[in-house]
Amino acid sequence: MGQKVHPIGLRLGISSDWQSKWYADKKNYAKTLHEDIKIRNFIKEKYRAAGI
């Protein structure tokens, strides 16, 4: 019997891109993640009407 694969999950890496593209080593990962979230929230709030 064959393995079933979800079609959206199969194409997920092809059809959509990551929201962030950065790398951090293990000790700085949490700090970098929090900075990324802060920046995203700031841009969303500051430029809400701009449609970014």
Foldseek 3Di string as FASTA:
>chain_A
DDDDDDPCVVCVPPPDDDPDDDDDDPVCPVVVVVVVVVVVVVCCVVCVVVVD
